[in-house]
């Protein structure tokens, strides 16, 4: 008895897109610490920032000559909202509060869907990508306590 084997082949195109660069800009810091200080939430209303804006920046240096823009995407692994939520493991952690991040035009950046564009300044040693942060009350069952959060950023260039 003869068994016949049949194999079918198909051609499927694979499209690859990429941009090859000599190098990216240098980020001048390994980490960025934003000290929000002590925030008084007395009288805070849900969705309205109640602390002063605290500025922070990502500094770039040594950008290649052809690099004209930096596109920054901020993200956080623990957010189910548009803000950076508390990821403290302390038993006395603050509940019902989050951090709103603002661009240089003082507009809130949606942590679930964002990209902020910055022009690279080749006439300066550094290009500073300026942001700020403030506390926001996220619900009426909020309680004071320890707040800790981590966000990350990705930078694309063109």
Protein backbone atom coordinates (compact mmCIF):
# COMPACT_ATOMS: atom_id res chain seq x y z
CA UNK A 1 0.00 0.00 0.00
CA UNK A 2 1.31 3.37 -1.03
CA UNK A 3 0.71 6.45 1.06
CA UNK A 4 0.84 9.75 -0.68
CA UNK A 5 1.93 12.90 1.08
CA UNK A 6 0.88 16.30 -0.08
CA UNK A 7 2.46 19.56 0.99
CA UNK A 8 1.05 22.89 0.12
CA UNK A 9 3.18 25.99 0.03
CA UNK A 10 2.14 29.57 -0.02
CA UNK A 11 4.03 32.73 -0.60
CA UNK A 12 3.28 35.42 1.94
CA UNK A 13 5.06 38.74 1.66
CA UNK A 14 6.74 40.09 4.78
CA UNK A 15 6.96 43.85 4.88
CA UNK A 16 9.75 45.26 6.98
CA UNK A 17 10.06 48.94 7.73
CA UNK A 18 12.82 50.53 9.72
CA UNK A 19 14.92 53.61 10.02
CA UNK A 20 18.65 53.16 10.34
CA UNK A 21 20.42 55.88 12.27
CA UNK A 22 24.02 56.28 13.28
CA UNK A 23 22.96 56.89 16.89
CA UNK A 24 20.25 58.50 18.94
CA UNK A 25 20.55 61.47 21.27
CA UNK A 26 22.06 60.84 24.68
CA UNK A 27 19.68 61.01 27.64
CA UNK A 28 21.67 62.82 30.32
CA UNK A 29 20.19 61.01 33.33
CA UNK A 30 19.64 57.35 34.25
CA UNK A 31 16.53 58.20 36.26
CA UNK A 32 14.36 61.21 36.99
CA UNK A 33 13.02 61.78 40.48
CA UNK A 34 9.99 64.04 40.87
CA UNK A 35 9.56 65.06 44.51
CA UNK A 36 5.90 65.97 44.91
CA UNK A 37 6.46 66.98 48.53
CA UNK A 38 3.54 66.99 50.94
CA UNK A 39 0.22 67.66 49.24
CA UNK A 40 -2.73 68.95 51.26
CA UNK A 41 -5.89 67.39 49.84
CA UNK A 42 -8.32 69.24 52.12
CA UNK A 43 -11.14 70.55 49.95
CA UNK A 44 -9.86 68.73 46.83
CA UNK A 45 -12.49 68.00 44.20
CA UNK A 46 -12.51 64.87 42.02
CA UNK A 47 -10.67 65.35 38.73
CA UNK A 48 -9.21 68.74 39.66
CA UNK A 49 -5.46 69.02 40.42
CA UNK A 50 -4.97 70.22 43.99
CA UNK A 51 -1.20 70.48 44.36
CA UNK A 52 1.20 72.94 42.75
CA UNK A 53 2.68 71.89 39.42
CA UNK A 54 6.10 70.32 40.00
CA UNK A 55 8.38 70.73 36.97
CA UNK A 56 10.66 67.98 35.68
CA UNK A 57 12.56 67.45 32.47
CA UNK A 58 14.21 64.91 30.25
CA UNK A 59 17.49 66.36 28.96
CA UNK A 60 19.02 65.27 25.68
CA UNK A 61 22.52 65.97 24.44
CA UNK A 62 24.77 65.02 21.55
CA UNK A 63 21.90 64.66 19.05
CA UNK A 64 22.96 63.77 15.49
CA UNK A 65 22.82 66.71 13.07
CA UNK A 66 19.95 65.26 11.03
CA UNK A 67 17.75 64.72 14.07
CA UNK A 68 15.10 67.44 14.10
CA UNK A 69 12.39 66.23 16.50
CA UNK A 70 12.00 64.03 19.56
CA UNK A 71 8.64 62.29 20.01
CA UNK A 72 8.11 61.32 23.66
CA UNK A 73 5.56 58.72 24.76
CA UNK A 74 4.92 58.41 28.49
CA UNK A 75 3.46 55.26 30.02
CA UNK A 76 2.88 53.49 33.29
CA UNK A 77 2.16 49.82 33.88
CA UNK A 78 -0.38 50.31 36.67
CA UNK A 79 -2.76 52.87 35.20
CA UNK A 80 -6.35 52.13 34.35
CA UNK A 81 -7.05 55.84 34.02
CA UNK A 82 -5.48 58.78 32.25
CA UNK A 83 -3.23 59.44 35.25
CA UNK A 84 -0.32 57.75 37.02
CA UNK A 85 -1.83 55.72 39.84
CA UNK A 86 -0.36 54.89 43.24
CA UNK A 87 1.61 51.64 43.24
CA UNK A 88 2.78 51.85 46.85
CA UNK A 89 2.74 48.54 48.72
CA UNK A 90 2.58 50.31 52.08
CA UNK A 91 -0.40 49.46 54.28
CA UNK A 92 -0.80 53.21 54.81
CA UNK A 93 -0.88 54.06 51.11
CA UNK A 94 -2.94 56.96 49.80
CA UNK A 95 -6.12 55.84 48.05
CA UNK A 96 -8.18 57.76 45.52
CA UNK A 97 -5.34 59.97 44.30
CA UNK A 98 -3.18 59.94 41.19
CA UNK A 99 -0.58 62.06 39.40
CA UNK A 100 -1.48 64.11 36.34
CA UNK A 101 1.42 64.83 33.98
CA UNK A 102 1.40 68.03 31.92
CA UNK A 103 3.20 69.03 28.73
CA UNK A 104 4.97 72.39 28.35
CA UNK A 105 1.63 74.02 27.36
CA UNK A 106 0.18 72.89 30.74
CA UNK A 107 -2.18 70.40 29.08
CA UNK A 108 -2.76 67.08 30.83
CA UNK A 109 -1.10 64.16 29.06
CA UNK A 110 -3.33 61.07 28.76
CA UNK A 111 -1.16 58.23 30.10
CA UNK A 112 -3.03 55.70 27.95
CA UNK A 113 -2.67 57.52 24.64
CA UNK A 114 -0.05 60.21 24.15
CA UNK A 115 2.90 61.50 22.19
CA UNK A 116 4.52 64.87 22.82
CA UNK A 117 6.76 66.41 20.15
CA UNK A 118 9.84 68.55 20.84
CA UNK A 119 12.16 70.32 18.42
CA UNK A 120 15.85 69.45 18.86
CA UNK A 121 17.94 72.57 19.56
CA UNK A 122 21.27 72.05 17.80
CA UNK A 123 22.46 75.50 18.91
CA UNK A 124 22.44 74.45 22.56
CA UNK A 125 24.42 71.82 24.43
CA UNK A 126 21.17 70.33 25.81
CA UNK A 127 17.60 70.03 24.60
CA UNK A 128 15.28 69.99 27.60
CA UNK A 129 11.94 68.20 27.24
CA UNK A 130 9.86 69.95 29.90
CA UNK A 131 6.94 68.44 31.80
CA UNK A 132 5.25 68.99 35.15
CA UNK A 133 3.15 66.91 37.54
CA UNK A 134 0.36 67.53 40.06
CA UNK A 135 -1.82 65.46 42.38
CA UNK A 136 -5.42 64.76 41.34
CA UNK A 137 -8.21 63.31 43.46
CA UNK A 138 -9.79 60.45 41.52
CA UNK A 139 -12.78 59.55 43.70
CA UNK A 140 -14.74 60.67 46.76
CA UNK A 141 -13.56 57.72 48.87
CA UNK A 142 -10.01 59.06 48.92
CA UNK A 143 -7.79 58.67 51.98
CA UNK A 144 -4.41 60.20 52.78
CA UNK A 145 -1.21 58.17 52.96
CA UNK A 146 2.00 57.20 51.18
CA UNK A 147 2.15 57.73 47.41
CA UNK A 148 4.67 56.05 45.11
CA UNK A 149 4.51 55.68 41.36
CA UNK A 150 6.73 54.86 38.41
CA UNK A 151 6.30 55.97 34.83
CA UNK A 152 8.54 55.37 31.84
CA UNK A 153 9.16 57.11 28.56
CA UNK A 154 10.07 56.16 25.03
CA UNK A 155 11.66 58.59 22.60
CA UNK A 156 11.53 58.31 18.82
CA UNK A 157 13.41 60.73 16.59
CA UNK A 158 13.19 62.12 13.09
